Amino acid sequence: MSGSNTLTVNGKAFSLPDHVTPDTPLLDILRNTLGLTGTRFGCGLEQCGACMVLVDGQPVQACNAALDSVAGKAVTTIEGLAGPDGKLHPLQQAFLDEQAGQCGYCLSGILMAAKALLDRNPAPSRTEIAAALDANLCRCGSHIRILKAVERAAATLRAEG
């Protein structure tokens, strides 16, 4: 891969160095090449959701998504969720307000999956929220607060609407 190749992440085009090949996992590029460490490595097997990002608005587990699978697409990471002025996205604020995280390791992936859900369904039911977050594991036992936070964010986004 040539150093002139680019990847668009959080609305910004990044030039990738020569050592990044088409089969390099997106997670490795985000964390090790671009320094965007908010996306976490969890299991490396697409089983936990810690590495969830959005690719053209769809949730994708970045641990095994090769660079060539996202070529020409817009990647959004947790660092791109807040506004350009640094104002928290309503999802981020709702998670804080509901105290929906304990250790926080899983939260970036959960937030990205929730963002994808709210983008396609501004008024999800609790069942729809749970289904959308099914690929994300949280071992801290914050599940009810996470569901409440997504419901709160949905209400805030509709009110801002």
N, C-alpha and C. Protein backbone atom coordinates (compact mmCIF):
# COMPACT_ATOMS: atom_id res chain seq x y z
N MET A 1 0.85 -1.17 0.00
CA MET A 1 0.00 0.00 0.00
C MET A 1 0.89 1.23 0.00
N SER A 2 0.57 2.17 -0.78
CA SER A 2 1.34 3.39 -0.90
C SER A 2 1.01 4.34 0.24
N GLY A 3 2.00 5.14 0.65
CA GLY A 3 1.80 6.13 1.70
C GLY A 3 0.81 7.20 1.31
N SER A 4 0.46 7.28 0.03
CA SER A 4 -0.49 8.29 -0.41
C SER A 4 -1.94 7.84 -0.21
N ASN A 5 -2.17 6.59 0.18
CA ASN A 5 -3.52 6.12 0.42
C ASN A 5 -4.07 6.79 1.68
N THR A 6 -5.37 7.01 1.67
CA THR A 6 -5.99 7.70 2.78
C THR A 6 -7.14 6.89 3.36
N LEU A 7 -7.49 7.25 4.56
CA LEU A 7 -8.64 6.69 5.26
C LEU A 7 -9.35 7.87 5.90
N THR A 8 -10.66 7.96 5.70
CA THR A 8 -11.42 9.05 6.28
C THR A 8 -12.01 8.60 7.61
N VAL A 9 -11.55 9.27 8.67
CA VAL A 9 -11.99 8.94 10.02
C VAL A 9 -12.45 10.23 10.69
N ASN A 10 -13.65 10.21 11.22
CA ASN A 10 -14.23 11.36 11.92
C ASN A 10 -14.19 12.62 11.06
N GLY A 11 -14.45 12.43 9.75
CA GLY A 11 -14.52 13.55 8.83
C GLY A 11 -13.19 14.09 8.34
N LYS A 12 -12.11 13.45 8.72
CA LYS A 12 -10.78 13.92 8.33
C LYS A 12 -10.07 12.82 7.55
N ALA A 13 -9.43 13.19 6.44
CA ALA A 13 -8.67 12.22 5.65
C ALA A 13 -7.28 12.08 6.23
N PHE A 14 -6.88 10.85 6.48
CA PHE A 14 -5.56 10.55 7.01
C PHE A 14 -4.75 9.81 5.95
N SER A 15 -3.52 10.23 5.74
CA SER A 15 -2.59 9.49 4.87
C SER A 15 -2.05 8.33 5.67
N LEU A 16 -2.00 7.19 5.03
CA LEU A 16 -1.52 5.99 5.71
C LEU A 16 -0.11 5.66 5.24
N PRO A 17 0.76 5.26 6.16
CA PRO A 17 2.13 4.92 5.79
C PRO A 17 2.21 3.61 5.01
N ASP A 18 3.36 3.38 4.40
CA ASP A 18 3.57 2.21 3.55
C ASP A 18 3.36 0.88 4.27
N HIS A 19 3.63 0.82 5.58
CA HIS A 19 3.51 -0.47 6.27
C HIS A 19 2.05 -0.91 6.46
N VAL A 20 1.09 -0.02 6.21
CA VAL A 20 -0.32 -0.38 6.33
C VAL A 20 -0.75 -1.03 5.01
N THR A 21 -1.16 -2.28 5.10
CA THR A 21 -1.54 -3.06 3.92
C THR A 21 -3.07 -3.19 3.86
N PRO A 22 -3.61 -3.61 2.72
CA PRO A 22 -5.08 -3.74 2.61
C PRO A 22 -5.71 -4.70 3.62
N ASP A 23 -4.92 -5.64 4.13
CA ASP A 23 -5.48 -6.59 5.10
C ASP A 23 -5.22 -6.19 6.56
N THR A 24 -4.62 -5.03 6.78
CA THR A 24 -4.40 -4.56 8.15
C THR A 24 -5.75 -4.30 8.81
N PRO A 25 -5.97 -4.83 10.01
CA PRO A 25 -7.24 -4.59 10.69
C PRO A 25 -7.46 -3.10 10.99
N LEU A 26 -8.67 -2.66 10.80
CA LEU A 26 -9.02 -1.27 11.05
C LEU A 26 -8.66 -0.86 12.48
N LEU A 27 -8.89 -1.73 13.44
CA LEU A 27 -8.58 -1.41 14.84
C LEU A 27 -7.10 -1.08 15.01
N ASP A 28 -6.23 -1.84 14.37
CA ASP A 28 -4.79 -1.56 14.45
C ASP A 28 -4.46 -0.19 13.86
N ILE A 29 -5.09 0.13 12.75
CA ILE A 29 -4.84 1.43 12.11
C ILE A 29 -5.31 2.56 13.02
N LEU A 30 -6.51 2.43 13.56
CA LEU A 30 -7.06 3.47 14.42
C LEU A 30 -6.17 3.71 15.63
N ARG A 31 -5.82 2.65 16.33
CA ARG A 31 -5.07 2.78 17.58
C ARG A 31 -3.59 3.05 17.36
N ASN A 32 -2.95 2.28 16.48
CA ASN A 32 -1.49 2.31 16.38
C ASN A 32 -0.95 3.28 15.34
N THR A 33 -1.71 3.52 14.29
CA THR A 33 -1.25 4.43 13.25
C THR A 33 -1.81 5.84 13.45
N LEU A 34 -3.09 5.93 13.80
CA LEU A 34 -3.72 7.24 13.94
C LEU A 34 -3.78 7.75 15.37
N GLY A 35 -3.48 6.91 16.34
CA GLY A 35 -3.48 7.33 17.74
C GLY A 35 -4.86 7.56 18.32
N LEU A 36 -5.89 6.99 17.70
CA LEU A 36 -7.25 7.11 18.20
C LEU A 36 -7.54 5.91 19.09
N THR A 37 -7.26 6.05 20.37
CA THR A 37 -7.28 4.91 21.29
C THR A 37 -8.60 4.72 22.03
N GLY A 38 -9.62 5.51 21.68
CA GLY A 38 -10.91 5.33 22.32
C GLY A 38 -11.58 4.03 21.95
N THR A 39 -11.32 3.54 20.76
CA THR A 39 -11.85 2.25 20.33
C THR A 39 -10.97 1.18 20.96
N ARG A 40 -11.58 0.26 21.64
CA ARG A 40 -10.83 -0.72 22.45
C ARG A 40 -10.67 -2.07 21.76
N PHE A 41 -9.57 -2.74 22.10
CA PHE A 41 -9.41 -4.15 21.74
C PHE A 41 -10.02 -4.95 22.87
N GLY A 42 -10.91 -5.85 22.53
CA GLY A 42 -11.52 -6.71 23.54
C GLY A 42 -11.08 -8.14 23.33
N CYS A 43 -11.83 -8.86 22.51
CA CYS A 43 -11.56 -10.28 22.31
C CYS A 43 -10.80 -10.56 21.01
N GLY A 44 -10.90 -9.68 20.04
CA GLY A 44 -10.27 -9.91 18.75
C GLY A 44 -11.00 -10.92 17.88
N LEU A 45 -12.18 -11.31 18.30
CA LEU A 45 -12.96 -12.34 17.59
C LEU A 45 -14.36 -11.88 17.20
N GLU A 46 -14.60 -10.57 17.25
CA GLU A 46 -15.91 -10.00 16.95
C GLU A 46 -17.00 -10.55 17.87
N GLN A 47 -16.67 -10.80 19.12
CA GLN A 47 -17.62 -11.38 20.05
C GLN A 47 -18.03 -10.43 21.19
N CYS A 48 -17.30 -9.30 21.37
CA CYS A 48 -17.56 -8.48 22.55
C CYS A 48 -18.04 -7.06 22.25
N GLY A 49 -17.76 -6.54 21.07
CA GLY A 49 -18.22 -5.21 20.70
C GLY A 49 -17.39 -4.05 21.21
N ALA A 50 -16.32 -4.32 21.94
CA ALA A 50 -15.49 -3.22 22.47
C ALA A 50 -14.88 -2.39 21.35
N CYS A 51 -14.70 -2.99 20.19
CA CYS A 51 -14.04 -2.32 19.06
C CYS A 51 -15.03 -1.71 18.07
N MET A 52 -16.29 -1.58 18.44
CA MET A 52 -17.32 -1.11 17.52
C MET A 52 -17.07 0.33 17.08
N VAL A 53 -17.14 0.52 15.77
CA VAL A 53 -17.09 1.85 15.15
C VAL A 53 -18.23 1.90 14.14
N LEU A 54 -18.43 3.06 13.55
CA LEU A 54 -19.42 3.18 12.49
C LEU A 54 -18.70 3.32 11.17
N VAL A 55 -19.15 2.58 10.18
CA VAL A 55 -18.62 2.68 8.82
C VAL A 55 -19.82 3.02 7.94
N ASP A 56 -19.78 4.22 7.40
CA ASP A 56 -20.94 4.76 6.67
C ASP A 56 -22.21 4.62 7.50
N GLY A 57 -22.09 4.88 8.79
CA GLY A 57 -23.23 4.87 9.70
C GLY A 57 -23.65 3.51 10.23
N GLN A 58 -23.00 2.45 9.77
CA GLN A 58 -23.36 1.10 10.22
C GLN A 58 -22.34 0.60 11.24
N PRO A 59 -22.81 -0.07 12.30
CA PRO A 59 -21.86 -0.60 13.28
C PRO A 59 -21.01 -1.72 12.70
N VAL A 60 -19.71 -1.62 12.93
CA VAL A 60 -18.75 -2.61 12.44
C VAL A 60 -17.75 -2.88 13.56
N GLN A 61 -17.43 -4.15 13.74
CA GLN A 61 -16.40 -4.50 14.72
C GLN A 61 -15.05 -4.37 14.04
N ALA A 62 -14.26 -3.43 14.52
CA ALA A 62 -13.01 -3.03 13.85
C ALA A 62 -11.87 -4.01 14.06
N CYS A 63 -12.00 -4.95 14.97
CA CYS A 63 -10.89 -5.86 15.26
C CYS A 63 -10.50 -6.72 14.07
N ASN A 64 -11.49 -7.10 13.26
CA ASN A 64 -11.22 -7.96 12.11
C ASN A 64 -11.63 -7.35 10.78
N ALA A 65 -12.07 -6.10 10.78
CA ALA A 65 -12.44 -5.43 9.53
C ALA A 65 -11.15 -4.95 8.87
N ALA A 66 -10.82 -5.53 7.73
CA ALA A 66 -9.60 -5.15 7.02
C ALA A 66 -9.75 -3.78 6.39
N LEU A 67 -8.63 -3.10 6.23
CA LEU A 67 -8.63 -1.78 5.63
C LEU A 67 -9.37 -1.78 4.29
N ASP A 68 -9.14 -2.78 3.45
CA ASP A 68 -9.78 -2.77 2.14
C ASP A 68 -11.30 -2.86 2.23
N SER A 69 -11.85 -3.33 3.35
CA SER A 69 -13.30 -3.39 3.52
C SER A 69 -13.92 -2.04 3.84
N VAL A 70 -13.10 -1.06 4.22
CA VAL A 70 -13.62 0.27 4.55
C VAL A 70 -13.10 1.34 3.60
N ALA A 71 -12.39 0.91 2.56
CA ALA A 71 -11.84 1.86 1.59
C ALA A 71 -12.95 2.70 0.98
N GLY A 72 -12.75 4.00 0.97
CA GLY A 72 -13.72 4.92 0.39
C GLY A 72 -14.94 5.17 1.25
N LYS A 73 -14.95 4.66 2.45
CA LYS A 73 -16.09 4.82 3.35
C LYS A 73 -15.72 5.73 4.51
N ALA A 74 -16.72 6.31 5.14
CA ALA A 74 -16.51 7.19 6.29
C ALA A 74 -16.54 6.37 7.57
N VAL A 75 -15.46 6.45 8.33
CA VAL A 75 -15.35 5.75 9.61
C VAL A 75 -15.56 6.77 10.73
N THR A 76 -16.41 6.42 11.69
CA THR A 76 -16.61 7.28 12.85
C THR A 76 -16.24 6.47 14.09
N THR A 77 -15.38 7.05 14.91
CA THR A 77 -14.98 6.43 16.17
C THR A 77 -15.59 7.23 17.32
N ILE A 78 -15.39 6.76 18.52
CA ILE A 78 -15.90 7.46 19.69
C ILE A 78 -15.36 8.88 19.77
N GLU A 79 -14.14 9.11 19.26
CA GLU A 79 -13.57 10.46 19.27
C GLU A 79 -14.34 11.41 18.38
N GLY A 80 -15.08 10.87 17.41
CA GLY A 80 -15.86 11.69 16.50
C GLY A 80 -17.30 11.89 16.93
N LEU A 81 -17.69 11.35 18.08
CA LEU A 81 -19.08 11.45 18.51
C LEU A 81 -19.40 12.85 19.05
N ALA A 82 -18.51 13.44 19.81
CA ALA A 82 -18.73 14.79 20.34
C ALA A 82 -18.68 15.79 19.19
N GLY A 83 -19.27 16.93 19.40
CA GLY A 83 -19.26 17.98 18.38
C GLY A 83 -17.88 18.57 18.21
N PRO A 84 -17.67 19.31 17.12
CA PRO A 84 -16.36 19.91 16.86
C PRO A 84 -15.95 20.90 17.95
N ASP A 85 -16.94 21.43 18.67
CA ASP A 85 -16.64 22.36 19.76
C ASP A 85 -16.35 21.62 21.07
N GLY A 86 -16.38 20.28 21.02
CA GLY A 86 -16.12 19.48 22.22
C GLY A 86 -17.36 19.19 23.03
N LYS A 87 -18.52 19.74 22.62
CA LYS A 87 -19.76 19.47 23.35
C LYS A 87 -20.12 18.00 23.20
N LEU A 88 -20.43 17.38 24.31
CA LEU A 88 -20.78 15.96 24.29
C LEU A 88 -22.03 15.72 23.45
N HIS A 89 -22.03 14.60 22.76
CA HIS A 89 -23.22 14.14 22.06
C HIS A 89 -24.26 13.79 23.12
N PRO A 90 -25.55 13.95 22.83
CA PRO A 90 -26.57 13.59 23.82
C PRO A 90 -26.44 12.16 24.37
N LEU A 91 -25.94 11.23 23.57
CA LEU A 91 -25.70 9.88 24.10
C LEU A 91 -24.64 9.90 25.19
N GLN A 92 -23.55 10.59 24.95
CA GLN A 92 -22.49 10.67 25.95
C GLN A 92 -23.01 11.32 27.23
N GLN A 93 -23.76 12.40 27.08
CA GLN A 93 -24.30 13.09 28.25
C GLN A 93 -25.27 12.20 29.01
N ALA A 94 -26.12 11.48 28.27
CA ALA A 94 -27.09 10.59 28.92
C ALA A 94 -26.38 9.47 29.69
N PHE A 95 -25.29 8.95 29.14
CA PHE A 95 -24.55 7.90 29.84
C PHE A 95 -23.96 8.44 31.14
N LEU A 96 -23.49 9.68 31.11
CA LEU A 96 -23.00 10.30 32.34
C LEU A 96 -24.15 10.52 33.32
N ASP A 97 -25.24 11.07 32.83
CA ASP A 97 -26.39 11.38 33.70
C ASP A 97 -26.98 10.14 34.35
N GLU A 98 -27.00 9.03 33.62
CA GLU A 98 -27.56 7.78 34.14
C GLU A 98 -26.51 6.92 34.87
N GLN A 99 -25.28 7.41 34.92
CA GLN A 99 -24.18 6.64 35.52
C GLN A 99 -24.14 5.24 34.93
N ALA A 100 -24.15 5.19 33.59
CA ALA A 100 -24.30 3.94 32.87
C ALA A 100 -23.00 3.17 32.69
N GLY A 101 -21.90 3.70 33.14
CA GLY A 101 -20.65 2.98 33.01
C GLY A 101 -19.99 2.76 34.35
N GLN A 102 -19.33 1.66 34.49
CA GLN A 102 -18.54 1.44 35.68
C GLN A 102 -17.07 1.46 35.28
N CYS A 103 -16.56 0.38 34.73
CA CYS A 103 -15.15 0.40 34.33
C CYS A 103 -14.96 1.20 33.06
N GLY A 104 -15.97 1.24 32.19
CA GLY A 104 -15.94 2.03 30.98
C GLY A 104 -15.29 1.37 29.78
N TYR A 105 -14.74 0.19 29.94
CA TYR A 105 -14.02 -0.44 28.84
C TYR A 105 -14.92 -0.69 27.63
N CYS A 106 -16.13 -1.08 27.86
CA CYS A 106 -17.06 -1.43 26.78
C CYS A 106 -17.80 -0.23 26.21
N LEU A 107 -17.75 0.90 26.90
CA LEU A 107 -18.66 2.00 26.57
C LEU A 107 -18.47 2.60 25.19
N SER A 108 -17.25 2.69 24.70
CA SER A 108 -17.10 3.29 23.37
C SER A 108 -17.84 2.46 22.33
N GLY A 109 -17.74 1.15 22.42
CA GLY A 109 -18.45 0.28 21.49
C GLY A 109 -19.96 0.37 21.66
N ILE A 110 -20.41 0.42 22.89
CA ILE A 110 -21.85 0.53 23.16
C ILE A 110 -22.38 1.86 22.64
N LEU A 111 -21.66 2.93 22.87
CA LEU A 111 -22.09 4.24 22.40
C LEU A 111 -22.20 4.28 20.87
N MET A 112 -21.26 3.64 20.19
CA MET A 112 -21.32 3.65 18.72
C MET A 112 -22.48 2.81 18.21
N ALA A 113 -22.74 1.68 18.84
CA ALA A 113 -23.89 0.86 18.45
C ALA A 113 -25.19 1.61 18.72
N ALA A 114 -25.26 2.31 19.85
CA ALA A 114 -26.45 3.09 20.18
C ALA A 114 -26.64 4.24 19.20
N LYS A 115 -25.56 4.87 18.79
CA LYS A 115 -25.64 5.96 17.80
C LYS A 115 -26.23 5.45 16.49
N ALA A 116 -25.76 4.31 16.04
CA ALA A 116 -26.29 3.73 14.80
C ALA A 116 -27.79 3.46 14.94
N LEU A 117 -28.20 2.93 16.09
CA LEU A 117 -29.62 2.66 16.34
C LEU A 117 -30.43 3.95 16.28
N LEU A 118 -30.00 4.98 17.02
CA LEU A 118 -30.78 6.22 17.09
C LEU A 118 -30.80 6.96 15.76
N ASP A 119 -29.76 6.78 14.95
CA ASP A 119 -29.76 7.39 13.63
C ASP A 119 -30.82 6.78 12.72
N ARG A 120 -31.09 5.50 12.90
CA ARG A 120 -32.08 4.85 12.04
C ARG A 120 -33.46 4.76 12.70
N ASN A 121 -33.50 4.88 14.03
CA ASN A 121 -34.77 4.77 14.75
C ASN A 121 -34.74 5.75 15.93
N PRO A 122 -35.32 6.93 15.77
CA PRO A 122 -35.24 7.94 16.83
C PRO A 122 -36.09 7.63 18.06
N ALA A 123 -36.96 6.65 17.98
CA ALA A 123 -37.83 6.32 19.12
C ALA A 123 -37.85 4.80 19.35
N PRO A 124 -36.71 4.21 19.65
CA PRO A 124 -36.69 2.75 19.83
C PRO A 124 -37.34 2.31 21.14
N SER A 125 -37.92 1.14 21.10
CA SER A 125 -38.44 0.53 22.33
C SER A 125 -37.28 -0.04 23.13
N ARG A 126 -37.53 -0.40 24.36
CA ARG A 126 -36.49 -1.01 25.18
C ARG A 126 -36.01 -2.31 24.54
N THR A 127 -36.91 -3.06 23.94
CA THR A 127 -36.56 -4.31 23.26
C THR A 127 -35.65 -4.04 22.06
N GLU A 128 -35.96 -2.99 21.30
CA GLU A 128 -35.12 -2.63 20.15
C GLU A 128 -33.74 -2.16 20.58
N ILE A 129 -33.68 -1.43 21.68
CA ILE A 129 -32.38 -1.00 22.21
C ILE A 129 -31.56 -2.21 22.61
N ALA A 130 -32.16 -3.11 23.36
CA ALA A 130 -31.45 -4.31 23.80
C ALA A 130 -30.95 -5.12 22.61
N ALA A 131 -31.78 -5.25 21.58
CA ALA A 131 -31.37 -6.00 20.39
C ALA A 131 -30.21 -5.32 19.68
N ALA A 132 -30.24 -3.99 19.59
CA ALA A 132 -29.17 -3.25 18.91
C ALA A 132 -27.84 -3.35 19.66
N LEU A 133 -27.92 -3.54 20.96
CA LEU A 133 -26.71 -3.62 21.79
C LEU A 133 -26.31 -5.07 22.09
N ASP A 134 -26.98 -6.00 21.47
CA ASP A 134 -26.74 -7.42 21.76
C ASP A 134 -25.31 -7.86 21.46
N ALA A 135 -24.65 -7.22 20.51
CA ALA A 135 -23.27 -7.60 20.15
C ALA A 135 -22.24 -6.99 21.10
N ASN A 136 -22.69 -6.19 22.06
CA ASN A 136 -21.78 -5.52 22.99
C ASN A 136 -21.89 -6.15 24.37
N LEU A 137 -20.76 -6.62 24.88
CA LEU A 137 -20.73 -7.22 26.20
C LEU A 137 -20.29 -6.19 27.24
N CYS A 138 -20.98 -6.19 28.37
CA CYS A 138 -20.59 -5.39 29.52
C CYS A 138 -20.64 -6.33 30.72
N ARG A 139 -19.52 -6.48 31.37
CA ARG A 139 -19.45 -7.40 32.50
C ARG A 139 -19.64 -6.71 33.85
N CYS A 140 -19.86 -5.40 33.82
CA CYS A 140 -19.99 -4.64 35.07
C CYS A 140 -21.40 -4.68 35.65
N GLY A 141 -22.36 -5.14 34.88
CA GLY A 141 -23.73 -5.20 35.38
C GLY A 141 -24.48 -3.88 35.27
N SER A 142 -24.11 -3.05 34.31
CA SER A 142 -24.76 -1.75 34.12
C SER A 142 -25.87 -1.78 33.09
N HIS A 143 -26.35 -2.94 32.74
CA HIS A 143 -27.26 -3.09 31.61
C HIS A 143 -28.51 -2.22 31.71
N ILE A 144 -29.14 -2.19 32.86
CA ILE A 144 -30.38 -1.41 33.01
C ILE A 144 -30.07 0.08 32.86
N ARG A 145 -28.97 0.54 33.44
CA ARG A 145 -28.60 1.96 33.31
C ARG A 145 -28.22 2.29 31.87
N ILE A 146 -27.60 1.36 31.17
CA ILE A 146 -27.27 1.57 29.76
C ILE A 146 -28.55 1.73 28.94
N LEU A 147 -29.52 0.86 29.16
CA LEU A 147 -30.79 0.96 28.45
C LEU A 147 -31.47 2.30 28.75
N LYS A 148 -31.48 2.71 30.03
CA LYS A 148 -32.08 3.98 30.41
C LYS A 148 -31.35 5.15 29.75
N ALA A 149 -30.04 5.06 29.65
CA ALA A 149 -29.26 6.13 29.03
C ALA A 149 -29.61 6.28 27.55
N VAL A 150 -29.76 5.17 26.86
CA VAL A 150 -30.13 5.24 25.44
C VAL A 150 -31.54 5.81 25.30
N GLU A 151 -32.45 5.41 26.17
CA GLU A 151 -33.80 5.97 26.14
C GLU A 151 -33.76 7.49 26.39
N ARG A 152 -32.96 7.92 27.35
CA ARG A 152 -32.82 9.34 27.66
C ARG A 152 -32.26 10.10 26.46
N ALA A 153 -31.22 9.56 25.85
CA ALA A 153 -30.61 10.21 24.69
C ALA A 153 -31.61 10.31 23.54
N ALA A 154 -32.39 9.25 23.34
CA ALA A 154 -33.39 9.27 22.26
C ALA A 154 -34.39 10.40 22.51
N ALA A 155 -34.85 10.55 23.75
CA ALA A 155 -35.80 11.61 24.09
C ALA A 155 -35.17 12.99 23.88
N THR A 156 -33.92 13.14 24.27
CA THR A 156 -33.23 14.41 24.09
C THR A 156 -33.08 14.74 22.61
N LEU A 157 -32.67 13.77 21.82
CA LEU A 157 -32.49 14.00 20.38
C LEU A 157 -33.82 14.35 19.70
N ARG A 158 -34.90 13.70 20.12
CA ARG A 158 -36.21 14.01 19.54
C ARG A 158 -36.63 15.43 19.92
N ALA A 159 -36.37 15.83 21.16
CA ALA A 159 -36.73 17.18 21.62
C ALA A 159 -35.93 18.25 20.90
N GLU A 160 -34.65 17.93 20.57
CA GLU A 160 -33.80 18.88 19.87
C GLU A 160 -34.16 18.97 18.39
N GLY A 161 -34.81 17.91 17.92
CA GLY A 161 -35.13 17.65 16.61
C GLY A 161 -35.39 18.34 15.46
